[in-house]
């Protein structure tokens, strides 16, 4: 199924060009010319990515991103900011607001498509139904089963979500706040130390099959999931 891309751009010529490029690259574009129209399109089926102009009638791209991040159903939709503002300060502000990438006008269609693909790979490294396997440990999202060889591991729902996040983002160090935001969600109040409790539980689950060392403590920073001990 074609990935759905919400194009939020007030200049009709640019919007039409973006939609044409997306269609040629097998994406399904959905158009919005202003802030309120874009908000109205935040419904199921949810966009897989949003191309968002910084300056819009009715609001700014930064305000739009803040709205996305407040809502549970939209906070994980990747956003690429489109803007003529190329100063470093503006780029930093855009990325710190929650944008996943930032592309400065004018840009080539080839660059745009390459950047979209890169963002898609970064935020969705695995399709929902695809089994993930690392060093003999397998996680099947379609059945919610975790196995090691022929052995099925008994795992709780939170530990499963934590393991799924780790296995789709291996080798990177995550601090407690990042893990809380990605696994529990930003609208849920949970103590930082709760992460440590679930890390211990996850290690206990994996210990049965000898995989507990894959969940690694990085002193002073957080945790990493790795097959390299």
N, C-alpha and C. Protein backbone atom coordinates (compact mmCIF):
# COMPACT_ATOMS: atom_id res chain seq x y z
N UNK A 1 0.84 -1.19 0.00
CA UNK A 1 0.00 0.00 0.00
C UNK A 1 0.88 1.25 0.00
N UNK A 2 0.51 2.24 -0.81
CA UNK A 2 1.30 3.47 -0.92
C UNK A 2 1.30 4.24 0.39
N UNK A 3 2.47 4.76 0.76
CA UNK A 3 2.58 5.58 1.96
C UNK A 3 1.84 6.90 1.74
N UNK A 4 1.09 7.30 2.74
CA UNK A 4 0.26 8.51 2.66
C UNK A 4 1.05 9.70 3.20
N UNK A 5 1.18 10.77 2.41
CA UNK A 5 1.95 11.94 2.80
C UNK A 5 1.05 13.17 2.79
N UNK A 6 0.94 13.82 3.94
CA UNK A 6 0.17 15.06 4.04
C UNK A 6 1.08 16.22 3.65
N UNK A 7 0.70 16.95 2.59
CA UNK A 7 1.47 18.08 2.09
C UNK A 7 0.79 19.37 2.55
N UNK A 8 1.45 20.11 3.43
CA UNK A 8 0.88 21.34 3.98
C UNK A 8 1.70 22.50 3.45
N UNK A 9 1.18 23.18 2.44
CA UNK A 9 1.91 24.25 1.74
C UNK A 9 0.90 25.23 1.15
N UNK A 10 1.06 26.53 1.45
CA UNK A 10 0.05 27.50 1.01
C UNK A 10 0.25 27.96 -0.44
N UNK A 11 1.46 27.83 -0.97
CA UNK A 11 1.69 28.24 -2.36
C UNK A 11 1.28 27.10 -3.30
N UNK A 12 0.25 27.38 -4.12
CA UNK A 12 -0.35 26.34 -4.95
C UNK A 12 0.66 25.69 -5.90
N UNK A 13 1.54 26.48 -6.50
CA UNK A 13 2.49 25.93 -7.47
C UNK A 13 3.45 24.95 -6.80
N UNK A 14 3.92 25.31 -5.61
CA UNK A 14 4.84 24.43 -4.88
C UNK A 14 4.10 23.17 -4.43
N UNK A 15 2.86 23.36 -3.96
CA UNK A 15 2.07 22.22 -3.50
C UNK A 15 1.82 21.23 -4.63
N UNK A 16 1.49 21.75 -5.81
CA UNK A 16 1.25 20.88 -6.97
C UNK A 16 2.51 20.14 -7.38
N UNK A 17 3.64 20.84 -7.33
CA UNK A 17 4.92 20.21 -7.68
C UNK A 17 5.23 19.08 -6.69
N UNK A 18 5.02 19.34 -5.40
CA UNK A 18 5.29 18.33 -4.37
C UNK A 18 4.41 17.10 -4.58
N UNK A 19 3.15 17.33 -4.84
CA UNK A 19 2.21 16.21 -5.04
C UNK A 19 2.60 15.40 -6.28
N UNK A 20 3.01 16.09 -7.34
CA UNK A 20 3.43 15.40 -8.57
C UNK A 20 4.64 14.51 -8.30
N UNK A 21 5.64 15.08 -7.61
CA UNK A 21 6.86 14.32 -7.29
C UNK A 21 6.52 13.11 -6.44
N UNK A 22 5.65 13.30 -5.47
CA UNK A 22 5.26 12.20 -4.58
C UNK A 22 4.55 11.08 -5.36
N UNK A 23 3.62 11.47 -6.23
CA UNK A 23 2.89 10.48 -7.02
C UNK A 23 3.84 9.70 -7.93
N UNK A 24 4.81 10.40 -8.52
CA UNK A 24 5.79 9.75 -9.39
C UNK A 24 6.66 8.75 -8.62
N UNK A 25 6.76 8.98 -7.31
CA UNK A 25 7.59 8.10 -6.46
C UNK A 25 6.74 7.10 -5.67
N UNK A 26 5.48 6.94 -6.11
CA UNK A 26 4.57 5.93 -5.54
C UNK A 26 4.11 6.25 -4.11
N UNK A 27 4.06 7.54 -3.76
CA UNK A 27 3.44 7.96 -2.51
C UNK A 27 2.03 8.46 -2.81
N UNK A 28 1.20 8.50 -1.79
CA UNK A 28 -0.17 9.01 -1.94
C UNK A 28 -0.26 10.38 -1.25
N UNK A 29 -0.20 11.49 -2.01
CA UNK A 29 -0.25 12.81 -1.37
C UNK A 29 -1.67 13.23 -1.00
N UNK A 30 -1.77 13.96 0.11
CA UNK A 30 -3.01 14.58 0.55
C UNK A 30 -2.68 16.05 0.79
N UNK A 31 -3.48 16.97 0.24
CA UNK A 31 -3.11 18.39 0.23
C UNK A 31 -3.84 19.21 1.28
N UNK A 32 -3.12 20.20 1.83
CA UNK A 32 -3.72 21.21 2.69
C UNK A 32 -3.02 22.53 2.41
N UNK A 33 -3.81 23.62 2.30
CA UNK A 33 -3.25 24.92 1.94
C UNK A 33 -3.07 25.85 3.13
N UNK A 34 -3.59 25.47 4.29
CA UNK A 34 -3.46 26.34 5.47
C UNK A 34 -3.48 25.49 6.74
N UNK A 35 -3.25 26.16 7.85
CA UNK A 35 -3.13 25.50 9.15
C UNK A 35 -4.39 24.71 9.52
N UNK A 36 -5.55 25.35 9.43
CA UNK A 36 -6.80 24.70 9.86
C UNK A 36 -7.16 23.51 8.96
N UNK A 37 -6.93 23.66 7.65
CA UNK A 37 -7.21 22.54 6.73
C UNK A 37 -6.33 21.34 7.05
N UNK A 38 -5.07 21.62 7.42
CA UNK A 38 -4.14 20.54 7.77
C UNK A 38 -4.61 19.83 9.04
N UNK A 39 -5.05 20.60 10.04
CA UNK A 39 -5.56 19.99 11.27
C UNK A 39 -6.76 19.09 10.98
N UNK A 40 -7.63 19.54 10.08
CA UNK A 40 -8.83 18.77 9.75
C UNK A 40 -8.49 17.44 9.08
N UNK A 41 -7.31 17.35 8.47
CA UNK A 41 -6.91 16.12 7.78
C UNK A 41 -6.18 15.13 8.70
N UNK A 42 -6.02 15.51 9.96
CA UNK A 42 -5.39 14.60 10.92
C UNK A 42 -6.42 13.60 11.44
N UNK A 43 -6.80 12.70 10.58
CA UNK A 43 -7.78 11.66 10.91
C UNK A 43 -7.32 10.35 10.29
N UNK A 44 -8.00 9.28 10.63
CA UNK A 44 -7.70 8.00 9.99
C UNK A 44 -8.17 8.01 8.54
N UNK A 45 -7.45 7.42 7.61
CA UNK A 45 -6.14 6.82 7.81
C UNK A 45 -5.06 7.88 8.04
N UNK A 46 -4.27 7.70 9.08
CA UNK A 46 -3.27 8.70 9.45
C UNK A 46 -2.18 8.81 8.39
N UNK A 47 -1.67 10.02 8.19
CA UNK A 47 -0.54 10.15 7.27
C UNK A 47 0.69 9.42 7.80
N UNK A 48 1.48 8.88 6.89
CA UNK A 48 2.73 8.22 7.28
C UNK A 48 3.85 9.22 7.45
N UNK A 49 3.67 10.40 6.83
CA UNK A 49 4.66 11.47 6.93
C UNK A 49 3.98 12.78 6.60
N UNK A 50 4.49 13.89 7.16
CA UNK A 50 3.93 15.22 6.87
C UNK A 50 5.04 16.11 6.32
N UNK A 51 4.80 16.68 5.13
CA UNK A 51 5.66 17.73 4.58
C UNK A 51 5.02 19.05 4.96
N UNK A 52 5.72 19.86 5.73
CA UNK A 52 5.09 20.99 6.40
C UNK A 52 5.84 22.29 6.15
N UNK A 53 5.15 23.25 5.54
CA UNK A 53 5.74 24.58 5.35
C UNK A 53 5.83 25.29 6.70
N UNK A 54 6.88 26.08 6.89
CA UNK A 54 7.06 26.79 8.17
C UNK A 54 6.00 27.86 8.36
N UNK A 55 5.78 28.69 7.33
CA UNK A 55 4.82 29.80 7.44
C UNK A 55 3.53 29.44 6.70
N UNK A 56 2.41 29.47 7.44
CA UNK A 56 1.12 29.09 6.88
C UNK A 56 0.05 30.10 7.25
N UNK A 57 -0.96 30.27 6.41
CA UNK A 57 -2.12 31.06 6.84
C UNK A 57 -2.78 30.38 8.05
N UNK A 58 -2.95 31.13 9.12
CA UNK A 58 -3.64 30.58 10.30
C UNK A 58 -2.73 30.03 11.38
N UNK A 59 -1.43 29.92 11.11
CA UNK A 59 -0.52 29.39 12.13
C UNK A 59 0.84 29.10 11.52
N UNK A 60 1.74 28.57 12.34
CA UNK A 60 3.08 28.25 11.85
C UNK A 60 3.30 26.74 11.90
N UNK A 61 4.31 26.31 11.15
CA UNK A 61 4.67 24.90 11.17
C UNK A 61 5.08 24.45 12.56
N UNK A 62 5.76 25.33 13.30
CA UNK A 62 6.20 25.00 14.66
C UNK A 62 4.98 24.75 15.55
N UNK A 63 3.96 25.60 15.44
CA UNK A 63 2.73 25.41 16.22
C UNK A 63 2.06 24.09 15.85
N UNK A 64 2.09 23.77 14.57
CA UNK A 64 1.47 22.53 14.08
C UNK A 64 2.18 21.31 14.67
N UNK A 65 3.51 21.35 14.70
CA UNK A 65 4.27 20.24 15.27
C UNK A 65 3.95 20.08 16.75
N UNK A 66 3.84 21.20 17.47
CA UNK A 66 3.51 21.13 18.90
C UNK A 66 2.14 20.49 19.11
N UNK A 67 1.20 20.80 18.21
CA UNK A 67 -0.13 20.16 18.29
C UNK A 67 0.00 18.66 18.08
N UNK A 68 0.78 18.26 17.08
CA UNK A 68 0.98 16.83 16.81
C UNK A 68 1.53 16.10 18.02
N UNK A 69 2.53 16.71 18.67
CA UNK A 69 3.22 16.05 19.77
C UNK A 69 2.35 15.94 21.02
N UNK A 70 1.31 16.77 21.11
CA UNK A 70 0.41 16.70 22.28
C UNK A 70 -0.58 15.55 22.19
N UNK A 71 -0.85 15.08 20.97
CA UNK A 71 -1.89 14.08 20.76
C UNK A 71 -1.29 12.67 20.60
N UNK A 72 -1.84 11.72 21.34
CA UNK A 72 -1.28 10.36 21.34
C UNK A 72 -1.27 9.73 19.96
N UNK A 73 -2.30 10.00 19.15
CA UNK A 73 -2.42 9.34 17.85
C UNK A 73 -1.52 9.95 16.77
N UNK A 74 -1.00 11.15 17.02
CA UNK A 74 -0.22 11.83 15.98
C UNK A 74 1.22 12.11 16.36
N UNK A 75 1.58 11.88 17.62
CA UNK A 75 2.90 12.33 18.08
C UNK A 75 4.06 11.62 17.39
N UNK A 76 3.80 10.42 16.86
CA UNK A 76 4.89 9.67 16.23
C UNK A 76 4.92 9.80 14.70
N UNK A 77 4.03 10.63 14.14
CA UNK A 77 4.07 10.85 12.69
C UNK A 77 5.29 11.70 12.35
N UNK A 78 6.18 11.23 11.49
CA UNK A 78 7.36 12.03 11.16
C UNK A 78 7.01 13.28 10.37
N UNK A 79 7.76 14.35 10.62
CA UNK A 79 7.51 15.64 9.98
C UNK A 79 8.78 16.16 9.34
N UNK A 80 8.66 16.61 8.09
CA UNK A 80 9.76 17.31 7.42
C UNK A 80 9.33 18.76 7.20
N UNK A 81 10.10 19.69 7.75
CA UNK A 81 9.80 21.11 7.56
C UNK A 81 10.35 21.58 6.21
N UNK A 82 9.51 22.32 5.48
CA UNK A 82 9.92 22.94 4.22
C UNK A 82 9.97 24.44 4.44
N UNK A 83 11.11 25.05 4.18
CA UNK A 83 11.20 26.47 4.46
C UNK A 83 12.32 27.15 3.68
N UNK A 84 12.17 28.45 3.50
CA UNK A 84 13.22 29.25 2.88
C UNK A 84 14.19 29.76 3.94
N UNK A 85 13.89 29.49 5.21
CA UNK A 85 14.71 29.98 6.31
C UNK A 85 15.88 29.02 6.53
N UNK A 86 17.05 29.41 6.04
CA UNK A 86 18.18 28.49 6.07
C UNK A 86 19.21 28.75 7.14
N UNK A 87 18.99 29.77 7.99
CA UNK A 87 19.97 30.08 9.02
C UNK A 87 20.04 28.93 10.03
N UNK A 88 21.23 28.75 10.61
CA UNK A 88 21.43 27.65 11.56
C UNK A 88 20.45 27.75 12.73
N UNK A 89 20.22 28.95 13.23
CA UNK A 89 19.32 29.13 14.37
C UNK A 89 17.91 28.62 14.04
N UNK A 90 17.45 28.90 12.82
CA UNK A 90 16.12 28.43 12.41
C UNK A 90 16.10 26.91 12.26
N UNK A 91 17.16 26.34 11.70
CA UNK A 91 17.22 24.88 11.55
C UNK A 91 17.18 24.20 12.91
N UNK A 92 17.96 24.73 13.84
CA UNK A 92 17.99 24.16 15.20
C UNK A 92 16.62 24.27 15.85
N UNK A 93 15.99 25.44 15.70
CA UNK A 93 14.65 25.64 16.30
C UNK A 93 13.64 24.66 15.73
N UNK A 94 13.70 24.46 14.41
CA UNK A 94 12.78 23.53 13.77
C UNK A 94 12.97 22.11 14.25
N UNK A 95 14.22 21.67 14.35
CA UNK A 95 14.50 20.31 14.78
C UNK A 95 14.17 20.12 16.27
N UNK A 96 14.47 21.13 17.07
CA UNK A 96 14.18 21.03 18.51
C UNK A 96 12.68 21.02 18.78
N UNK A 97 11.89 21.58 17.87
CA UNK A 97 10.44 21.58 18.06
C UNK A 97 9.86 20.18 17.85
N UNK A 98 10.64 19.30 17.23
CA UNK A 98 10.17 17.93 17.02
C UNK A 98 10.18 17.49 15.57
N UNK A 99 10.62 18.37 14.64
CA UNK A 99 10.70 17.96 13.24
C UNK A 99 11.77 16.88 13.08
N UNK A 100 11.55 15.95 12.15
CA UNK A 100 12.50 14.87 11.92
C UNK A 100 13.54 15.24 10.88
N UNK A 101 13.22 16.21 10.03
CA UNK A 101 14.19 16.68 9.04
C UNK A 101 13.74 18.07 8.60
N UNK A 102 14.62 18.72 7.85
CA UNK A 102 14.45 20.12 7.53
C UNK A 102 15.05 20.31 6.14
N UNK A 103 14.23 20.74 5.18
CA UNK A 103 14.74 20.90 3.82
C UNK A 103 14.49 22.33 3.36
N UNK A 104 15.55 22.95 2.84
CA UNK A 104 15.50 24.39 2.52
C UNK A 104 15.13 24.60 1.06
N UNK A 105 14.15 25.48 0.83
CA UNK A 105 13.76 25.85 -0.54
C UNK A 105 14.83 26.76 -1.13
N UNK A 106 15.11 26.64 -2.43
CA UNK A 106 14.58 25.62 -3.35
C UNK A 106 15.35 24.31 -3.20
N UNK A 107 14.68 23.20 -3.51
CA UNK A 107 15.32 21.90 -3.43
C UNK A 107 14.93 21.10 -4.66
N UNK A 108 15.74 20.10 -4.99
CA UNK A 108 15.43 19.28 -6.17
C UNK A 108 14.48 18.16 -5.78
N UNK A 109 13.63 17.71 -6.72
CA UNK A 109 12.75 16.58 -6.44
C UNK A 109 13.52 15.35 -5.99
N UNK A 110 14.69 15.12 -6.58
CA UNK A 110 15.48 13.94 -6.23
C UNK A 110 15.93 14.00 -4.77
N UNK A 111 16.37 15.20 -4.35
CA UNK A 111 16.80 15.36 -2.95
C UNK A 111 15.61 15.16 -2.01
N UNK A 112 14.46 15.73 -2.37
CA UNK A 112 13.27 15.60 -1.52
C UNK A 112 12.91 14.13 -1.30
N UNK A 113 12.85 13.35 -2.38
CA UNK A 113 12.46 11.94 -2.28
C UNK A 113 13.49 11.16 -1.46
N UNK A 114 14.78 11.47 -1.66
CA UNK A 114 15.83 10.79 -0.90
C UNK A 114 15.70 11.09 0.59
N UNK A 115 15.38 12.34 0.92
CA UNK A 115 15.24 12.72 2.33
C UNK A 115 14.00 12.08 2.94
N UNK A 116 12.92 12.00 2.16
CA UNK A 116 11.69 11.34 2.65
C UNK A 116 11.99 9.87 2.97
N UNK A 117 12.67 9.19 2.05
CA UNK A 117 13.00 7.78 2.26
C UNK A 117 13.88 7.60 3.50
N UNK A 118 14.83 8.51 3.69
CA UNK A 118 15.73 8.43 4.84
C UNK A 118 14.95 8.59 6.14
N UNK A 119 14.01 9.54 6.17
CA UNK A 119 13.20 9.75 7.38
C UNK A 119 12.33 8.53 7.64
N UNK A 120 11.72 8.00 6.60
CA UNK A 120 10.87 6.82 6.75
C UNK A 120 11.66 5.65 7.32
N UNK A 121 12.88 5.46 6.83
CA UNK A 121 13.72 4.36 7.35
C UNK A 121 14.07 4.59 8.80
N UNK A 122 14.33 5.85 9.14
CA UNK A 122 14.77 6.18 10.51
C UNK A 122 13.66 5.97 11.52
N UNK A 123 12.46 6.41 11.20
CA UNK A 123 11.37 6.33 12.18
C UNK A 123 10.61 5.02 12.12
N UNK A 124 10.69 4.31 10.99
CA UNK A 124 9.99 3.03 10.86
C UNK A 124 10.93 1.99 10.30
N UNK A 125 11.94 1.60 11.09
CA UNK A 125 12.93 0.68 10.55
C UNK A 125 12.38 -0.70 10.21
N UNK A 126 11.22 -1.05 10.76
CA UNK A 126 10.59 -2.34 10.45
C UNK A 126 9.12 -2.11 10.17
N UNK A 127 8.56 -2.87 9.26
CA UNK A 127 7.11 -2.81 9.10
C UNK A 127 6.47 -3.49 10.30
N UNK A 128 5.20 -3.18 10.56
CA UNK A 128 4.53 -3.63 11.78
C UNK A 128 4.53 -5.16 11.89
N UNK A 129 4.36 -5.86 10.77
CA UNK A 129 4.18 -7.31 10.83
C UNK A 129 5.49 -8.09 10.66
N UNK A 130 6.57 -7.40 10.43
CA UNK A 130 7.82 -8.09 10.11
C UNK A 130 8.52 -8.61 11.36
N UNK A 131 8.88 -9.89 11.36
CA UNK A 131 9.59 -10.48 12.50
C UNK A 131 11.00 -9.89 12.57
N UNK A 132 11.41 -9.54 13.79
CA UNK A 132 12.73 -8.96 14.02
C UNK A 132 13.58 -10.04 14.68
N UNK A 133 14.80 -10.23 14.17
CA UNK A 133 15.68 -11.25 14.73
C UNK A 133 17.07 -10.68 14.95
N UNK A 134 17.56 -10.78 16.18
CA UNK A 134 18.91 -10.32 16.49
C UNK A 134 19.60 -11.39 17.34
N UNK A 135 20.67 -11.95 16.78
CA UNK A 135 21.52 -12.90 17.51
C UNK A 135 20.72 -14.03 18.16
N UNK A 136 19.76 -14.58 17.42
CA UNK A 136 19.00 -15.72 17.92
C UNK A 136 17.74 -15.37 18.69
N UNK A 137 17.56 -14.09 19.00
CA UNK A 137 16.34 -13.64 19.70
C UNK A 137 15.37 -13.09 18.65
N UNK A 138 14.14 -13.60 18.64
CA UNK A 138 13.16 -13.19 17.64
C UNK A 138 11.93 -12.57 18.30
N UNK A 139 11.42 -11.52 17.70
CA UNK A 139 10.18 -10.88 18.16
C UNK A 139 9.24 -10.79 16.97
N UNK A 140 8.05 -11.36 17.12
CA UNK A 140 7.06 -11.39 16.04
C UNK A 140 5.92 -10.43 16.40
N UNK A 141 5.85 -9.23 15.78
CA UNK A 141 4.82 -8.25 16.12
C UNK A 141 3.40 -8.72 15.82
N UNK A 142 3.23 -9.61 14.84
CA UNK A 142 1.88 -10.04 14.49
C UNK A 142 1.27 -10.95 15.56
N UNK A 143 2.11 -11.72 16.26
CA UNK A 143 1.60 -12.61 17.30
C UNK A 143 2.00 -12.18 18.71
N UNK A 144 2.85 -11.12 18.79
CA UNK A 144 3.37 -10.64 20.09
C UNK A 144 4.14 -11.74 20.83
N UNK A 145 4.82 -12.58 20.08
CA UNK A 145 5.62 -13.64 20.69
C UNK A 145 7.10 -13.30 20.60
N UNK A 146 7.81 -13.63 21.67
CA UNK A 146 9.26 -13.49 21.70
C UNK A 146 9.83 -14.89 21.87
N UNK A 147 10.73 -15.27 20.99
CA UNK A 147 11.27 -16.63 21.04
C UNK A 147 12.79 -16.64 20.93
N UNK A 148 13.36 -17.69 21.46
CA UNK A 148 14.79 -17.95 21.30
C UNK A 148 14.91 -19.40 20.88
N UNK A 149 15.25 -19.62 19.63
CA UNK A 149 15.21 -20.97 19.10
C UNK A 149 13.78 -21.48 19.13
N UNK A 150 13.56 -22.64 19.75
CA UNK A 150 12.21 -23.20 19.84
C UNK A 150 11.49 -22.77 21.11
N UNK A 151 12.19 -21.97 21.95
CA UNK A 151 11.65 -21.59 23.24
C UNK A 151 10.88 -20.26 23.16
N UNK A 152 9.63 -20.26 23.63
CA UNK A 152 8.85 -19.03 23.70
C UNK A 152 9.03 -18.43 25.08
N UNK A 153 9.38 -17.15 25.14
CA UNK A 153 9.65 -16.48 26.41
C UNK A 153 8.37 -15.86 26.96
N UNK A 154 8.19 -15.96 28.25
CA UNK A 154 7.03 -15.40 28.94
C UNK A 154 7.32 -13.93 29.25
N UNK A 155 6.67 -13.02 28.54
CA UNK A 155 7.00 -11.60 28.66
C UNK A 155 5.74 -10.77 28.86
N UNK A 156 5.82 -9.80 29.78
CA UNK A 156 4.70 -8.91 30.06
C UNK A 156 4.54 -7.85 28.98
N UNK A 157 3.39 -7.14 28.95
CA UNK A 157 3.13 -6.17 27.88
C UNK A 157 4.11 -4.99 27.85
N UNK A 158 4.49 -4.48 29.01
CA UNK A 158 5.42 -3.34 29.02
C UNK A 158 6.81 -3.78 28.61
N UNK A 159 7.23 -4.94 29.11
CA UNK A 159 8.55 -5.47 28.72
C UNK A 159 8.57 -5.77 27.22
N UNK A 160 7.45 -6.24 26.68
CA UNK A 160 7.36 -6.50 25.24
C UNK A 160 7.56 -5.20 24.45
N UNK A 161 6.85 -4.13 24.87
CA UNK A 161 6.98 -2.84 24.17
C UNK A 161 8.40 -2.31 24.26
N UNK A 162 9.01 -2.48 25.43
CA UNK A 162 10.39 -2.03 25.62
C UNK A 162 11.34 -2.81 24.72
N UNK A 163 11.16 -4.13 24.68
CA UNK A 163 12.02 -4.97 23.83
C UNK A 163 11.80 -4.65 22.35
N UNK A 164 10.55 -4.44 21.96
CA UNK A 164 10.27 -4.09 20.56
C UNK A 164 10.98 -2.80 20.18
N UNK A 165 10.93 -1.81 21.06
CA UNK A 165 11.61 -0.54 20.77
C UNK A 165 13.12 -0.77 20.66
N UNK A 166 13.68 -1.51 21.61
CA UNK A 166 15.12 -1.77 21.58
C UNK A 166 15.53 -2.51 20.30
N UNK A 167 14.75 -3.52 19.92
CA UNK A 167 15.14 -4.35 18.77
C UNK A 167 14.97 -3.62 17.45
N UNK A 168 14.11 -2.62 17.40
CA UNK A 168 13.97 -1.82 16.18
C UNK A 168 14.92 -0.61 16.18
N UNK A 169 15.62 -0.40 17.30
CA UNK A 169 16.60 0.70 17.39
C UNK A 169 17.87 0.20 18.08
N UNK A 170 18.51 -0.85 17.54
CA UNK A 170 19.69 -1.41 18.22
C UNK A 170 20.92 -0.51 18.13
N UNK A 171 21.84 -0.74 19.03
CA UNK A 171 23.17 -0.11 19.05
C UNK A 171 23.16 1.38 19.43
N UNK A 172 22.00 1.94 19.70
CA UNK A 172 21.95 3.35 20.06
C UNK A 172 21.68 3.47 21.57
N UNK A 173 22.29 4.46 22.20
CA UNK A 173 22.09 4.68 23.63
C UNK A 173 20.88 5.60 23.83
N UNK A 174 19.99 5.18 24.74
CA UNK A 174 18.79 5.96 25.06
C UNK A 174 18.79 6.28 26.55
N UNK A 175 18.50 7.55 26.89
CA UNK A 175 18.38 7.86 28.31
C UNK A 175 16.96 7.52 28.79
N UNK A 176 16.74 7.62 30.10
CA UNK A 176 15.45 7.21 30.66
C UNK A 176 14.29 8.03 30.09
N UNK A 177 14.50 9.34 29.96
CA UNK A 177 13.43 10.20 29.45
C UNK A 177 13.03 9.81 28.04
N UNK A 178 14.02 9.53 27.20
CA UNK A 178 13.72 9.11 25.82
C UNK A 178 12.95 7.80 25.80
N UNK A 179 13.35 6.85 26.64
CA UNK A 179 12.64 5.57 26.70
C UNK A 179 11.21 5.76 27.18
N UNK A 180 11.03 6.63 28.19
CA UNK A 180 9.67 6.91 28.67
C UNK A 180 8.80 7.47 27.55
N UNK A 181 9.35 8.43 26.80
CA UNK A 181 8.58 9.08 25.73
C UNK A 181 8.23 8.10 24.62
N UNK A 182 9.19 7.25 24.24
CA UNK A 182 8.96 6.33 23.12
C UNK A 182 8.12 5.12 23.50
N UNK A 183 8.29 4.61 24.71
CA UNK A 183 7.63 3.36 25.10
C UNK A 183 6.33 3.61 25.86
N UNK A 184 6.37 4.57 26.79
CA UNK A 184 5.17 4.85 27.59
C UNK A 184 4.31 5.97 26.99
N UNK A 185 4.96 6.92 26.26
CA UNK A 185 4.24 8.06 25.68
C UNK A 185 4.42 9.31 26.52
N UNK A 186 4.40 10.46 25.87
CA UNK A 186 4.68 11.71 26.57
C UNK A 186 3.50 12.20 27.41
N UNK A 187 2.31 11.64 27.21
CA UNK A 187 1.15 12.10 27.98
C UNK A 187 0.91 11.25 29.22
N UNK A 188 1.83 10.34 29.52
CA UNK A 188 1.69 9.47 30.70
C UNK A 188 2.74 9.88 31.72
N UNK A 189 2.30 10.13 32.96
CA UNK A 189 3.28 10.49 33.99
C UNK A 189 3.82 9.24 34.64
N UNK A 190 5.10 8.98 34.44
CA UNK A 190 5.77 7.82 35.02
C UNK A 190 7.12 8.29 35.56
N UNK A 191 7.49 7.82 36.72
CA UNK A 191 8.80 8.17 37.28
C UNK A 191 9.92 7.59 36.42
N UNK A 192 11.02 8.34 36.32
CA UNK A 192 12.18 7.87 35.55
C UNK A 192 12.63 6.49 36.00
N UNK A 193 12.60 6.25 37.32
CA UNK A 193 13.11 4.99 37.86
C UNK A 193 12.25 3.80 37.46
N UNK A 194 11.02 4.08 36.99
CA UNK A 194 10.17 2.99 36.50
C UNK A 194 10.87 2.26 35.35
N UNK A 195 11.61 3.02 34.54
CA UNK A 195 12.35 2.43 33.44
C UNK A 195 13.31 1.36 33.96
N UNK A 196 14.02 1.68 35.06
CA UNK A 196 14.98 0.73 35.63
C UNK A 196 14.30 -0.56 36.07
N UNK A 197 13.10 -0.42 36.65
CA UNK A 197 12.35 -1.59 37.10
C UNK A 197 12.03 -2.51 35.92
N UNK A 198 11.56 -1.91 34.82
CA UNK A 198 11.18 -2.72 33.66
C UNK A 198 12.40 -3.26 32.92
N UNK A 199 13.51 -2.54 32.98
CA UNK A 199 14.76 -3.06 32.42
C UNK A 199 15.16 -4.33 33.17
N UNK A 200 15.07 -4.29 34.51
CA UNK A 200 15.41 -5.48 35.30
C UNK A 200 14.49 -6.65 34.96
N UNK A 201 13.18 -6.34 34.81
CA UNK A 201 12.22 -7.41 34.45
C UNK A 201 12.52 -7.97 33.07
N UNK A 202 12.87 -7.09 32.13
CA UNK A 202 13.18 -7.54 30.77
C UNK A 202 14.42 -8.44 30.79
N UNK A 203 15.43 -8.04 31.55
CA UNK A 203 16.64 -8.87 31.64
C UNK A 203 16.31 -10.25 32.22
N UNK A 204 15.42 -10.27 33.20
CA UNK A 204 15.03 -11.55 33.81
C UNK A 204 14.35 -12.46 32.79
N UNK A 205 13.49 -11.86 31.93
CA UNK A 205 12.83 -12.62 30.87
C UNK A 205 13.88 -13.19 29.91
N UNK A 206 14.83 -12.36 29.52
CA UNK A 206 15.83 -12.77 28.53
C UNK A 206 16.86 -13.73 29.11
N UNK A 207 17.04 -13.66 30.44
CA UNK A 207 18.04 -14.51 31.11
C UNK A 207 17.74 -15.99 30.90
N UNK A 208 16.48 -16.32 30.82
CA UNK A 208 16.07 -17.73 30.62
C UNK A 208 16.73 -18.32 29.38
N UNK A 209 16.89 -17.49 28.35
CA UNK A 209 17.47 -17.96 27.08
C UNK A 209 18.91 -17.47 26.88
N UNK A 210 19.47 -16.82 27.90
CA UNK A 210 20.85 -16.37 27.81
C UNK A 210 21.07 -15.09 27.01
N UNK A 211 20.01 -14.26 26.87
CA UNK A 211 20.13 -13.03 26.09
C UNK A 211 20.16 -11.76 26.95
N UNK A 212 20.25 -11.92 28.27
CA UNK A 212 20.12 -10.75 29.14
C UNK A 212 21.22 -9.71 28.92
N UNK A 213 22.39 -10.15 28.44
CA UNK A 213 23.50 -9.20 28.25
C UNK A 213 23.28 -8.26 27.07
N UNK A 214 22.26 -8.54 26.26
CA UNK A 214 21.95 -7.64 25.14
C UNK A 214 21.39 -6.31 25.62
N UNK A 215 20.79 -6.30 26.81
CA UNK A 215 20.28 -5.05 27.39
C UNK A 215 21.38 -4.49 28.27
N UNK A 216 22.06 -3.47 27.78
CA UNK A 216 23.29 -3.00 28.40
C UNK A 216 23.12 -1.63 29.06
N UNK A 217 23.68 -1.50 30.25
CA UNK A 217 23.69 -0.22 30.95
C UNK A 217 24.90 0.58 30.47
N UNK A 218 24.65 1.82 30.06
CA UNK A 218 25.73 2.72 29.68
C UNK A 218 25.85 3.74 30.82
N UNK A 219 26.86 3.59 31.62
CA UNK A 219 26.99 4.36 32.86
C UNK A 219 26.90 5.86 32.63
N UNK A 220 26.03 6.50 33.40
CA UNK A 220 25.88 7.95 33.32
C UNK A 220 25.02 8.43 32.18
N UNK A 221 24.54 7.50 31.32
CA UNK A 221 23.75 7.91 30.15
C UNK A 221 22.40 7.21 30.09
N UNK A 222 22.39 5.89 30.03
CA UNK A 222 21.11 5.19 29.89
C UNK A 222 21.32 3.74 29.52
N UNK A 223 20.63 3.30 28.47
CA UNK A 223 20.65 1.89 28.09
C UNK A 223 20.82 1.74 26.58
N UNK A 224 21.39 0.59 26.20
CA UNK A 224 21.61 0.26 24.80
C UNK A 224 21.26 -1.21 24.61
N UNK A 225 20.72 -1.54 23.43
CA UNK A 225 20.45 -2.93 23.08
C UNK A 225 21.44 -3.34 22.01
N UNK A 226 22.24 -4.35 22.30
CA UNK A 226 23.30 -4.71 21.36
C UNK A 226 23.64 -6.19 21.47
N UNK A 227 24.01 -6.80 20.35
CA UNK A 227 24.48 -8.17 20.33
C UNK A 227 25.98 -8.23 20.57
N UNK A 228 26.62 -7.03 20.64
CA UNK A 228 28.07 -6.96 20.91
C UNK A 228 28.27 -6.75 22.41
N UNK A 229 28.82 -7.71 23.09
CA UNK A 229 28.97 -7.63 24.55
C UNK A 229 30.29 -6.98 24.92
